[in-house]
Structure formats: structure tokens, C-alpha cells
N, C-alpha and C. Protein backbone atom coordinates (compact mmCIF):
# COMPACT_ATOMS: atom_id res chain seq x y z
N MET A 1 -26.07 -174.55 -73.69
CA MET A 1 -24.98 -174.47 -72.74
C MET A 1 -23.78 -175.24 -73.29
N ASN A 2 -22.59 -174.93 -72.80
CA ASN A 2 -21.33 -175.54 -73.21
C ASN A 2 -21.01 -175.29 -74.68
N LYS A 3 -21.60 -174.29 -75.26
CA LYS A 3 -21.31 -173.89 -76.62
C LYS A 3 -20.11 -172.95 -76.60
N ILE A 4 -19.20 -173.12 -77.55
CA ILE A 4 -18.05 -172.23 -77.62
C ILE A 4 -18.46 -171.00 -78.41
N THR A 5 -18.14 -169.84 -77.88
CA THR A 5 -18.61 -168.61 -78.49
C THR A 5 -17.57 -167.50 -78.38
N GLU A 6 -17.69 -166.51 -79.20
CA GLU A 6 -16.95 -165.27 -79.04
C GLU A 6 -17.94 -164.12 -78.99
N ARG A 7 -19.19 -164.44 -78.69
CA ARG A 7 -20.23 -163.42 -78.57
C ARG A 7 -19.92 -162.52 -77.38
N ILE A 8 -20.15 -161.25 -77.53
CA ILE A 8 -19.86 -160.30 -76.47
C ILE A 8 -21.15 -159.95 -75.74
N GLU A 9 -21.15 -160.13 -74.45
CA GLU A 9 -22.27 -159.76 -73.59
C GLU A 9 -21.97 -158.39 -73.00
N THR A 10 -22.97 -157.79 -72.38
CA THR A 10 -22.74 -156.55 -71.67
C THR A 10 -23.09 -156.76 -70.21
N PHE A 11 -22.49 -155.95 -69.34
CA PHE A 11 -22.81 -155.98 -67.92
C PHE A 11 -22.81 -154.55 -67.42
N THR A 12 -23.50 -154.34 -66.33
CA THR A 12 -23.57 -153.02 -65.72
C THR A 12 -22.77 -153.06 -64.44
N ASP A 13 -21.81 -152.15 -64.29
CA ASP A 13 -20.97 -152.14 -63.10
C ASP A 13 -21.71 -151.52 -61.91
N LEU A 14 -21.03 -151.47 -60.78
CA LEU A 14 -21.66 -150.98 -59.55
C LEU A 14 -22.04 -149.51 -59.62
N GLU A 15 -21.46 -148.78 -60.57
CA GLU A 15 -21.80 -147.37 -60.74
C GLU A 15 -22.86 -147.16 -61.81
N GLY A 16 -23.41 -148.26 -62.36
CA GLY A 16 -24.47 -148.17 -63.35
C GLY A 16 -24.00 -147.98 -64.78
N ILE A 17 -22.70 -148.15 -65.04
CA ILE A 17 -22.14 -147.96 -66.38
C ILE A 17 -22.10 -149.31 -67.10
N LYS A 18 -22.55 -149.34 -68.37
CA LYS A 18 -22.54 -150.58 -69.15
C LYS A 18 -21.17 -150.78 -69.81
N HIS A 19 -20.73 -152.05 -69.83
CA HIS A 19 -19.45 -152.44 -70.43
C HIS A 19 -19.65 -153.73 -71.23
N LYS A 20 -18.72 -153.98 -72.16
CA LYS A 20 -18.71 -155.25 -72.89
C LYS A 20 -18.01 -156.30 -72.03
N SER A 21 -18.60 -157.47 -71.96
CA SER A 21 -18.00 -158.58 -71.24
C SER A 21 -17.49 -159.61 -72.23
N ALA A 22 -16.28 -160.09 -72.01
CA ALA A 22 -15.69 -161.07 -72.92
C ALA A 22 -16.28 -162.45 -72.74
N LEU A 23 -16.83 -162.72 -71.55
CA LEU A 23 -17.33 -164.05 -71.24
C LEU A 23 -18.83 -164.07 -71.06
N HIS A 24 -19.37 -165.27 -71.10
CA HIS A 24 -20.80 -165.49 -70.87
C HIS A 24 -20.91 -166.57 -69.81
N PRO A 25 -21.85 -166.44 -68.86
CA PRO A 25 -21.93 -167.41 -67.77
C PRO A 25 -22.40 -168.80 -68.18
N ASN A 26 -22.94 -168.97 -69.39
CA ASN A 26 -23.45 -170.28 -69.81
C ASN A 26 -22.84 -170.80 -71.10
N GLU A 27 -21.86 -170.08 -71.64
CA GLU A 27 -21.25 -170.49 -72.91
C GLU A 27 -19.74 -170.38 -72.82
N TRP A 28 -19.05 -171.34 -73.42
CA TRP A 28 -17.59 -171.34 -73.40
C TRP A 28 -17.04 -170.36 -74.43
N THR A 29 -15.96 -169.70 -74.06
CA THR A 29 -15.24 -168.78 -74.94
C THR A 29 -13.77 -169.18 -74.92
N PHE A 30 -13.12 -169.16 -76.06
CA PHE A 30 -11.68 -169.41 -76.09
C PHE A 30 -10.94 -168.16 -75.62
N VAL A 31 -10.02 -168.35 -74.70
CA VAL A 31 -9.13 -167.29 -74.25
C VAL A 31 -7.70 -167.79 -74.47
N THR A 32 -6.74 -166.87 -74.51
CA THR A 32 -5.36 -167.20 -74.85
C THR A 32 -4.45 -166.95 -73.66
N LEU A 33 -3.59 -167.92 -73.34
CA LEU A 33 -2.61 -167.72 -72.27
C LEU A 33 -1.61 -166.67 -72.73
N ALA A 34 -1.57 -165.55 -72.01
CA ALA A 34 -0.70 -164.43 -72.38
C ALA A 34 0.51 -164.31 -71.46
N LYS A 35 0.39 -164.82 -70.23
CA LYS A 35 1.47 -164.68 -69.26
C LYS A 35 1.35 -165.78 -68.22
N LYS A 36 2.49 -166.31 -67.81
CA LYS A 36 2.55 -167.33 -66.77
C LYS A 36 3.74 -166.97 -65.90
N GLU A 37 3.49 -166.67 -64.62
CA GLU A 37 4.57 -166.21 -63.75
C GLU A 37 4.50 -166.89 -62.40
N LYS A 38 5.63 -167.48 -62.00
CA LYS A 38 5.71 -168.05 -60.66
C LYS A 38 5.84 -166.90 -59.66
N VAL A 39 4.93 -166.85 -58.69
CA VAL A 39 4.93 -165.73 -57.75
C VAL A 39 5.32 -166.14 -56.34
N SER A 40 5.24 -167.45 -56.03
CA SER A 40 5.56 -167.91 -54.69
C SER A 40 5.59 -169.42 -54.67
N SER A 41 5.80 -169.97 -53.48
CA SER A 41 5.72 -171.42 -53.26
C SER A 41 5.11 -171.66 -51.89
N THR A 42 4.45 -172.79 -51.75
CA THR A 42 3.92 -173.16 -50.44
C THR A 42 5.06 -173.70 -49.58
N LYS A 43 4.79 -173.88 -48.30
CA LYS A 43 5.80 -174.45 -47.41
C LYS A 43 6.22 -175.85 -47.85
N SER A 44 5.31 -176.55 -48.53
CA SER A 44 5.61 -177.90 -49.00
C SER A 44 6.30 -177.91 -50.36
N GLY A 45 6.54 -176.72 -50.92
CA GLY A 45 7.29 -176.63 -52.17
C GLY A 45 6.47 -176.53 -53.44
N CYS A 46 5.16 -176.53 -53.33
CA CYS A 46 4.33 -176.41 -54.53
C CYS A 46 4.41 -174.97 -55.05
N PRO A 47 4.74 -174.80 -56.32
CA PRO A 47 4.80 -173.43 -56.87
C PRO A 47 3.40 -172.83 -57.02
N ILE A 48 3.33 -171.53 -56.86
CA ILE A 48 2.09 -170.79 -57.06
C ILE A 48 2.32 -169.86 -58.25
N TYR A 49 1.44 -169.97 -59.22
CA TYR A 49 1.57 -169.20 -60.46
C TYR A 49 0.40 -168.24 -60.64
N THR A 50 0.68 -167.11 -61.28
CA THR A 50 -0.35 -166.25 -61.82
C THR A 50 -0.43 -166.57 -63.31
N PHE A 51 -1.64 -166.84 -63.77
CA PHE A 51 -1.89 -167.07 -65.19
C PHE A 51 -2.76 -165.92 -65.70
N ARG A 52 -2.29 -165.29 -66.77
CA ARG A 52 -3.07 -164.21 -67.40
C ARG A 52 -3.57 -164.74 -68.73
N PHE A 53 -4.89 -164.64 -68.92
CA PHE A 53 -5.53 -165.06 -70.16
C PHE A 53 -6.10 -163.84 -70.86
N SER A 54 -5.76 -163.70 -72.14
CA SER A 54 -6.25 -162.58 -72.95
C SER A 54 -7.61 -162.91 -73.52
N PHE A 55 -8.47 -161.89 -73.54
CA PHE A 55 -9.78 -162.01 -74.16
C PHE A 55 -9.64 -161.77 -75.66
N PRO A 56 -10.68 -162.11 -76.43
CA PRO A 56 -10.60 -161.90 -77.88
C PRO A 56 -10.37 -160.44 -78.28
N HIS A 57 -10.84 -159.48 -77.47
CA HIS A 57 -10.69 -158.07 -77.80
C HIS A 57 -10.06 -157.33 -76.62
N GLU A 58 -9.13 -156.42 -76.90
CA GLU A 58 -8.40 -155.69 -75.85
C GLU A 58 -9.30 -154.85 -74.94
N THR A 59 -10.44 -154.43 -75.45
CA THR A 59 -11.32 -153.57 -74.66
C THR A 59 -12.31 -154.36 -73.80
N ASP A 60 -12.38 -155.67 -73.98
CA ASP A 60 -13.32 -156.49 -73.21
C ASP A 60 -12.94 -156.54 -71.74
N GLN A 61 -13.95 -156.67 -70.90
CA GLN A 61 -13.74 -156.82 -69.47
C GLN A 61 -14.35 -158.14 -69.02
N LEU A 62 -13.95 -158.60 -67.85
CA LEU A 62 -14.47 -159.85 -67.33
C LEU A 62 -15.96 -159.74 -67.02
N GLY A 63 -16.36 -158.64 -66.42
CA GLY A 63 -17.77 -158.48 -66.12
C GLY A 63 -18.18 -159.19 -64.85
N SER A 64 -17.24 -159.36 -63.93
CA SER A 64 -17.57 -160.03 -62.67
C SER A 64 -17.56 -159.03 -61.53
N PHE A 65 -18.06 -159.48 -60.42
CA PHE A 65 -18.05 -158.69 -59.20
C PHE A 65 -17.34 -159.50 -58.12
N SER A 66 -16.89 -158.85 -57.09
CA SER A 66 -16.25 -159.55 -55.98
C SER A 66 -17.18 -160.65 -55.48
N GLY A 67 -16.65 -161.85 -55.36
CA GLY A 67 -17.43 -162.98 -54.88
C GLY A 67 -17.81 -163.96 -55.98
N GLN A 68 -17.66 -163.57 -57.24
CA GLN A 68 -17.98 -164.48 -58.34
C GLN A 68 -16.70 -165.17 -58.83
N TYR A 69 -16.86 -166.19 -59.66
CA TYR A 69 -15.70 -166.92 -60.15
C TYR A 69 -15.90 -167.31 -61.61
N ILE A 70 -14.83 -167.88 -62.20
CA ILE A 70 -14.86 -168.31 -63.60
C ILE A 70 -14.65 -169.81 -63.66
N ALA A 71 -15.02 -170.41 -64.77
CA ALA A 71 -14.80 -171.84 -65.01
C ALA A 71 -13.82 -171.98 -66.17
N ILE A 72 -12.91 -172.95 -66.04
CA ILE A 72 -11.97 -173.27 -67.11
C ILE A 72 -12.15 -174.75 -67.43
N GLN A 73 -12.14 -175.06 -68.73
CA GLN A 73 -12.33 -176.45 -69.16
C GLN A 73 -11.24 -176.86 -70.13
N ALA A 74 -10.76 -178.10 -69.97
CA ALA A 74 -9.76 -178.65 -70.88
C ALA A 74 -9.96 -180.17 -70.98
N LYS A 75 -9.49 -180.73 -72.07
CA LYS A 75 -9.50 -182.18 -72.22
C LYS A 75 -8.15 -182.70 -71.72
N ILE A 76 -8.19 -183.46 -70.62
CA ILE A 76 -6.97 -183.96 -69.99
C ILE A 76 -7.08 -185.47 -69.89
N ASN A 77 -6.13 -186.18 -70.48
CA ASN A 77 -6.14 -187.64 -70.48
C ASN A 77 -7.48 -188.19 -70.97
N ASN A 78 -7.96 -187.62 -72.08
CA ASN A 78 -9.21 -188.04 -72.72
C ASN A 78 -10.45 -187.82 -71.88
N LYS A 79 -10.37 -186.97 -70.86
CA LYS A 79 -11.52 -186.62 -70.04
C LYS A 79 -11.70 -185.11 -70.03
N ILE A 80 -12.95 -184.67 -70.07
CA ILE A 80 -13.23 -183.24 -69.96
C ILE A 80 -13.15 -182.88 -68.47
N VAL A 81 -12.26 -181.94 -68.16
CA VAL A 81 -12.06 -181.50 -66.78
C VAL A 81 -12.44 -180.03 -66.68
N LYS A 82 -13.25 -179.71 -65.68
CA LYS A 82 -13.68 -178.32 -65.47
C LYS A 82 -13.34 -177.95 -64.02
N ARG A 83 -12.70 -176.78 -63.86
CA ARG A 83 -12.36 -176.28 -62.53
C ARG A 83 -12.78 -174.82 -62.43
N PHE A 84 -13.04 -174.40 -61.21
CA PHE A 84 -13.48 -173.03 -60.95
C PHE A 84 -12.39 -172.26 -60.23
N TYR A 85 -12.22 -171.00 -60.61
CA TYR A 85 -11.18 -170.15 -60.03
C TYR A 85 -11.74 -168.76 -59.76
N SER A 86 -11.26 -168.17 -58.69
CA SER A 86 -11.59 -166.78 -58.39
C SER A 86 -10.59 -165.89 -59.12
N PRO A 87 -11.07 -164.94 -59.92
CA PRO A 87 -10.13 -164.03 -60.60
C PRO A 87 -9.37 -163.19 -59.58
N THR A 88 -8.12 -162.91 -59.90
CA THR A 88 -7.34 -162.00 -59.06
C THR A 88 -7.16 -160.65 -59.74
N SER A 89 -7.56 -160.57 -61.02
CA SER A 89 -7.57 -159.27 -61.69
C SER A 89 -8.82 -158.52 -61.24
N THR A 90 -8.80 -157.21 -61.40
CA THR A 90 -9.94 -156.41 -60.95
C THR A 90 -11.05 -156.43 -62.00
N PRO A 91 -12.27 -156.19 -61.59
CA PRO A 91 -13.37 -156.15 -62.57
C PRO A 91 -13.19 -155.08 -63.63
N SER A 92 -12.39 -154.06 -63.35
CA SER A 92 -12.21 -152.97 -64.32
C SER A 92 -11.04 -153.18 -65.27
N ASP A 93 -10.26 -154.25 -65.11
CA ASP A 93 -9.16 -154.53 -66.04
C ASP A 93 -9.71 -154.82 -67.43
N HIS A 94 -9.00 -154.36 -68.45
CA HIS A 94 -9.43 -154.53 -69.83
C HIS A 94 -8.54 -155.55 -70.54
N GLY A 95 -9.16 -156.42 -71.33
CA GLY A 95 -8.43 -157.30 -72.23
C GLY A 95 -7.92 -158.59 -71.63
N PHE A 96 -8.08 -158.82 -70.33
CA PHE A 96 -7.53 -160.04 -69.74
C PHE A 96 -8.20 -160.36 -68.41
N VAL A 97 -7.95 -161.58 -67.96
CA VAL A 97 -8.32 -162.02 -66.62
C VAL A 97 -7.12 -162.78 -66.06
N GLU A 98 -6.87 -162.63 -64.77
CA GLU A 98 -5.78 -163.37 -64.11
C GLU A 98 -6.34 -164.25 -63.02
N ILE A 99 -5.70 -165.42 -62.84
CA ILE A 99 -6.02 -166.32 -61.74
C ILE A 99 -4.73 -166.72 -61.06
N LEU A 100 -4.84 -167.13 -59.81
CA LEU A 100 -3.72 -167.59 -59.01
C LEU A 100 -3.94 -169.07 -58.74
N VAL A 101 -2.93 -169.92 -59.06
CA VAL A 101 -3.11 -171.37 -58.96
C VAL A 101 -1.90 -171.99 -58.27
N LYS A 102 -2.19 -172.82 -57.26
CA LYS A 102 -1.15 -173.63 -56.64
C LYS A 102 -1.01 -174.88 -57.50
N VAL A 103 0.20 -175.13 -57.98
CA VAL A 103 0.44 -176.23 -58.91
C VAL A 103 1.08 -177.41 -58.18
N ASN A 104 0.38 -178.53 -58.22
CA ASN A 104 0.96 -179.77 -57.73
C ASN A 104 1.74 -180.35 -58.91
N LEU A 105 3.05 -180.39 -58.80
CA LEU A 105 3.90 -180.78 -59.93
C LEU A 105 3.64 -182.21 -60.40
N GLU A 106 3.05 -183.03 -59.56
CA GLU A 106 2.73 -184.41 -59.95
C GLU A 106 1.29 -184.54 -60.42
N SER A 107 0.60 -183.42 -60.49
CA SER A 107 -0.82 -183.44 -60.84
C SER A 107 -1.04 -183.78 -62.30
N THR A 108 -2.04 -184.61 -62.52
CA THR A 108 -2.49 -184.87 -63.88
C THR A 108 -3.82 -184.15 -64.11
N GLY A 109 -4.17 -183.24 -63.20
CA GLY A 109 -5.40 -182.48 -63.30
C GLY A 109 -5.17 -181.11 -63.91
N MET A 110 -6.08 -180.20 -63.59
CA MET A 110 -6.07 -178.88 -64.21
C MET A 110 -4.83 -178.07 -63.86
N SER A 111 -4.38 -178.09 -62.59
CA SER A 111 -3.22 -177.26 -62.24
C SER A 111 -1.99 -177.71 -63.01
N GLY A 112 -1.81 -179.01 -63.16
CA GLY A 112 -0.69 -179.53 -63.95
C GLY A 112 -0.82 -179.15 -65.42
N TYR A 113 -2.04 -179.23 -65.93
CA TYR A 113 -2.29 -178.86 -67.32
C TYR A 113 -1.96 -177.40 -67.57
N LEU A 114 -2.45 -176.52 -66.67
CA LEU A 114 -2.17 -175.09 -66.82
C LEU A 114 -0.68 -174.80 -66.76
N SER A 115 0.03 -175.47 -65.85
CA SER A 115 1.47 -175.21 -65.71
C SER A 115 2.26 -175.61 -66.94
N LYS A 116 1.72 -176.54 -67.73
CA LYS A 116 2.41 -177.00 -68.93
C LYS A 116 1.99 -176.26 -70.19
N MET A 117 0.98 -175.40 -70.07
CA MET A 117 0.54 -174.62 -71.24
C MET A 117 1.64 -173.66 -71.68
N GLU A 118 1.74 -173.45 -72.97
CA GLU A 118 2.68 -172.49 -73.54
C GLU A 118 1.96 -171.17 -73.82
N ILE A 119 2.71 -170.08 -73.75
CA ILE A 119 2.15 -168.78 -74.09
C ILE A 119 1.59 -168.85 -75.51
N GLY A 120 0.38 -168.33 -75.69
CA GLY A 120 -0.28 -168.35 -76.99
C GLY A 120 -1.29 -169.48 -77.16
N GLU A 121 -1.25 -170.47 -76.28
CA GLU A 121 -2.22 -171.56 -76.35
C GLU A 121 -3.58 -171.08 -75.87
N LYS A 122 -4.64 -171.71 -76.42
CA LYS A 122 -6.00 -171.34 -76.05
C LYS A 122 -6.61 -172.39 -75.12
N ILE A 123 -7.57 -171.91 -74.31
CA ILE A 123 -8.32 -172.78 -73.41
C ILE A 123 -9.73 -172.22 -73.31
N LYS A 124 -10.68 -173.06 -72.93
CA LYS A 124 -12.07 -172.62 -72.81
C LYS A 124 -12.34 -172.03 -71.43
N MET A 125 -13.11 -170.93 -71.41
CA MET A 125 -13.45 -170.27 -70.16
C MET A 125 -14.89 -169.77 -70.24
N MET A 126 -15.58 -169.77 -69.11
CA MET A 126 -16.91 -169.16 -69.03
C MET A 126 -17.05 -168.45 -67.69
N GLY A 127 -17.98 -167.55 -67.62
CA GLY A 127 -18.20 -166.86 -66.36
C GLY A 127 -18.69 -165.44 -66.60
N PRO A 128 -18.85 -164.68 -65.61
CA PRO A 128 -18.74 -165.09 -64.21
C PRO A 128 -19.91 -165.99 -63.82
N VAL A 129 -19.65 -166.90 -62.91
CA VAL A 129 -20.68 -167.83 -62.47
C VAL A 129 -20.86 -167.77 -60.96
N ASP A 130 -22.08 -167.97 -60.56
CA ASP A 130 -22.49 -168.10 -59.17
C ASP A 130 -21.77 -167.18 -58.20
N GLY A 131 -21.49 -167.71 -57.02
CA GLY A 131 -20.89 -166.89 -55.98
C GLY A 131 -21.92 -165.89 -55.46
N PHE A 132 -21.46 -164.92 -54.76
CA PHE A 132 -22.33 -163.85 -54.31
C PHE A 132 -21.76 -162.56 -54.84
N ILE A 133 -22.58 -161.54 -54.90
CA ILE A 133 -22.11 -160.25 -55.39
C ILE A 133 -21.99 -159.30 -54.22
N TYR A 134 -20.77 -158.85 -54.00
CA TYR A 134 -20.54 -157.87 -52.95
C TYR A 134 -20.82 -156.48 -53.53
N LYS A 135 -21.62 -155.72 -52.84
CA LYS A 135 -21.86 -154.34 -53.22
C LYS A 135 -21.48 -153.47 -52.03
N PRO A 136 -20.68 -152.43 -52.26
CA PRO A 136 -20.29 -151.56 -51.15
C PRO A 136 -21.52 -151.06 -50.40
N GLY A 137 -21.41 -151.08 -49.09
CA GLY A 137 -22.50 -150.61 -48.24
C GLY A 137 -23.40 -151.72 -47.74
N ASN A 138 -23.20 -152.97 -48.25
CA ASN A 138 -24.01 -154.09 -47.80
C ASN A 138 -23.72 -154.47 -46.35
N PHE A 139 -22.51 -154.20 -45.88
CA PHE A 139 -22.08 -154.66 -44.57
C PHE A 139 -21.43 -153.52 -43.80
N LYS A 140 -21.48 -153.59 -42.49
CA LYS A 140 -20.76 -152.65 -41.64
C LYS A 140 -19.40 -153.20 -41.27
N GLN A 141 -19.29 -154.54 -41.24
CA GLN A 141 -18.04 -155.22 -40.92
C GLN A 141 -17.90 -156.42 -41.84
N MET A 142 -16.64 -156.75 -42.16
CA MET A 142 -16.36 -157.96 -42.92
C MET A 142 -15.18 -158.66 -42.28
N VAL A 143 -15.29 -159.99 -42.14
CA VAL A 143 -14.17 -160.81 -41.70
C VAL A 143 -13.90 -161.79 -42.83
N LEU A 144 -12.70 -161.74 -43.38
CA LEU A 144 -12.30 -162.59 -44.49
C LEU A 144 -11.31 -163.62 -43.97
N LEU A 145 -11.61 -164.91 -44.16
CA LEU A 145 -10.74 -165.99 -43.74
C LEU A 145 -10.24 -166.71 -44.97
N SER A 146 -8.94 -166.99 -45.03
CA SER A 146 -8.44 -167.74 -46.17
C SER A 146 -7.18 -168.49 -45.78
N ALA A 147 -6.89 -169.51 -46.57
CA ALA A 147 -5.69 -170.32 -46.34
C ALA A 147 -5.12 -170.72 -47.69
N GLY A 148 -3.80 -170.79 -47.77
CA GLY A 148 -3.15 -171.19 -49.00
C GLY A 148 -3.53 -170.29 -50.15
N VAL A 149 -3.82 -170.90 -51.29
CA VAL A 149 -4.21 -170.12 -52.46
C VAL A 149 -5.65 -169.65 -52.31
N GLY A 150 -6.31 -170.02 -51.21
CA GLY A 150 -7.64 -169.51 -50.91
C GLY A 150 -7.65 -168.01 -50.73
N LEU A 151 -6.48 -167.40 -50.84
CA LEU A 151 -6.39 -165.95 -50.77
C LEU A 151 -6.99 -165.30 -52.03
N SER A 152 -7.04 -166.05 -53.13
CA SER A 152 -7.53 -165.49 -54.40
C SER A 152 -8.86 -164.77 -54.29
N PRO A 153 -9.89 -165.38 -53.68
CA PRO A 153 -11.15 -164.63 -53.60
C PRO A 153 -11.02 -163.35 -52.78
N MET A 154 -10.11 -163.36 -51.83
CA MET A 154 -9.94 -162.17 -50.98
C MET A 154 -9.24 -161.05 -51.74
N ILE A 155 -8.33 -161.42 -52.66
CA ILE A 155 -7.62 -160.42 -53.45
C ILE A 155 -8.62 -159.61 -54.26
N LEU A 156 -9.66 -160.27 -54.77
CA LEU A 156 -10.64 -159.57 -55.58
C LEU A 156 -11.39 -158.52 -54.77
N PHE A 157 -11.35 -158.64 -53.47
CA PHE A 157 -12.03 -157.65 -52.64
C PHE A 157 -11.28 -156.31 -52.64
N GLN A 158 -10.19 -156.23 -53.44
CA GLN A 158 -9.50 -154.95 -53.58
C GLN A 158 -10.43 -153.89 -54.16
N VAL A 159 -11.55 -154.33 -54.73
CA VAL A 159 -12.55 -153.37 -55.21
C VAL A 159 -13.05 -152.52 -54.05
N LEU A 160 -12.90 -153.02 -52.83
CA LEU A 160 -13.29 -152.24 -51.65
C LEU A 160 -12.55 -150.91 -51.61
N LEU A 161 -11.33 -150.91 -52.11
CA LEU A 161 -10.52 -149.71 -52.04
C LEU A 161 -10.98 -148.62 -53.00
N ILE A 162 -11.78 -148.99 -53.97
CA ILE A 162 -12.27 -148.04 -54.96
C ILE A 162 -13.32 -147.11 -54.36
N PHE A 163 -14.07 -147.64 -53.42
CA PHE A 163 -15.18 -146.90 -52.84
C PHE A 163 -14.83 -146.38 -51.45
N PRO A 164 -15.42 -145.28 -51.03
CA PRO A 164 -15.17 -144.78 -49.67
C PRO A 164 -15.55 -145.85 -48.65
N MET A 165 -14.64 -146.09 -47.69
CA MET A 165 -14.87 -147.15 -46.71
C MET A 165 -15.53 -146.58 -45.46
N LYS A 166 -16.69 -147.12 -45.13
CA LYS A 166 -17.41 -146.72 -43.93
C LYS A 166 -17.64 -147.95 -43.06
N TYR A 167 -16.72 -148.89 -43.13
CA TYR A 167 -16.86 -150.15 -42.41
C TYR A 167 -15.48 -150.71 -42.11
N HIS A 168 -15.46 -151.76 -41.33
CA HIS A 168 -14.20 -152.37 -40.90
C HIS A 168 -14.01 -153.71 -41.61
N VAL A 169 -12.81 -153.94 -42.16
CA VAL A 169 -12.50 -155.19 -42.84
C VAL A 169 -11.29 -155.83 -42.15
N SER A 170 -11.43 -157.11 -41.78
CA SER A 170 -10.32 -157.88 -41.20
C SER A 170 -10.03 -159.06 -42.11
N LEU A 171 -8.75 -159.30 -42.40
CA LEU A 171 -8.34 -160.45 -43.23
C LEU A 171 -7.42 -161.31 -42.40
N PHE A 172 -7.77 -162.59 -42.27
CA PHE A 172 -6.93 -163.58 -41.61
C PHE A 172 -6.48 -164.56 -42.67
N PHE A 173 -5.15 -164.76 -42.77
CA PHE A 173 -4.59 -165.55 -43.88
C PHE A 173 -3.45 -166.43 -43.37
N GLU A 174 -3.42 -167.69 -43.87
CA GLU A 174 -2.32 -168.62 -43.56
C GLU A 174 -1.98 -169.36 -44.84
N ASN A 175 -0.71 -169.37 -45.20
CA ASN A 175 -0.24 -170.09 -46.37
C ASN A 175 0.57 -171.28 -45.91
N SER A 176 -0.01 -172.46 -46.02
CA SER A 176 0.71 -173.67 -45.57
C SER A 176 1.14 -174.53 -46.71
């Protein structure tokens, strides 16, 4: 565990099709910051950014399902810091993964570190890890609650739109 790798794993999607996964749930892989875009701000003025990280190969996919998340690790102030994020890119996107992060401008933690990264810099990532796996048809109703950047896990539920909907979904959201 915690080994840095560029080994490609495979995963089977919800339709039973096998794909190459850029990440492994127990080994670190270097990914490259390809895009950093401010998309909003909280009421308190904290900027919210989308960070896009490129995988080693353009055809690689994240290999996650709705409800799972990724881990990012960096050395910050001589300490190894690891944080977990819900991807906002879809499981079928190729070559990259995106996350949404509220940045505390005074932070000396991961959000501050990410905000100061330059395009082309590398960082360690692993996943998908834990969470639960949503499969269409598991539920007749879903109620999604989120606040602030907690919307990220809910955004990934856009996979719901890919499949015929035979259930009711409600989303309650507050950005403070």
C-alpha cells in the first residue's frame, strides 16, 4: 500500500463492459493538474474551484461509481497530508478526473495547497475508495441532502440520467 504506480487496472461498468482504470484503490498514482477554474464563491467569500487532473493515458477512466471517492496526498509543511474528494466528472469521462474544492485562502492544508498548484504539476492520487456503489434500480426513491461544497457527491449522481428513471429523486441544497 502507498506505493506510487502507473499500473493500469481494469473495472467493469454497470453495463458489464470492461475498461482501463487509471487509478488503483490501494496504490498511489501521479496525476497532472491540467485545469484550475474558479466556478463560484461561498457567502463568506471562499472561492470554489474545479480542479481537473489528467491521467497518464488519454484513454484511461477513473473507474468509480456514484458514491465512491478518491484520495489525494501531498507533502505540506513537512507533513504528509491526505484528503478525500468526491469526483464531479462522470465515470465515463476519459483521460481525467475533476473535483470541486472550497478553498480557504488562509489554509495551510490541502485546499490551500491545491489552489497554489501550477498547471502541469503532479500530485499523488488513489481510488476509487470506499463509499457505496449506487446501481440503477436499487431504490424507488432517493433524497439527496447537501450543503456547501457537499454538493460534489450529488453531482456524480448525474449518472442517474444515463439510465431510464423509474423512481423519484429529490435534491435539497444550501450553499453557505
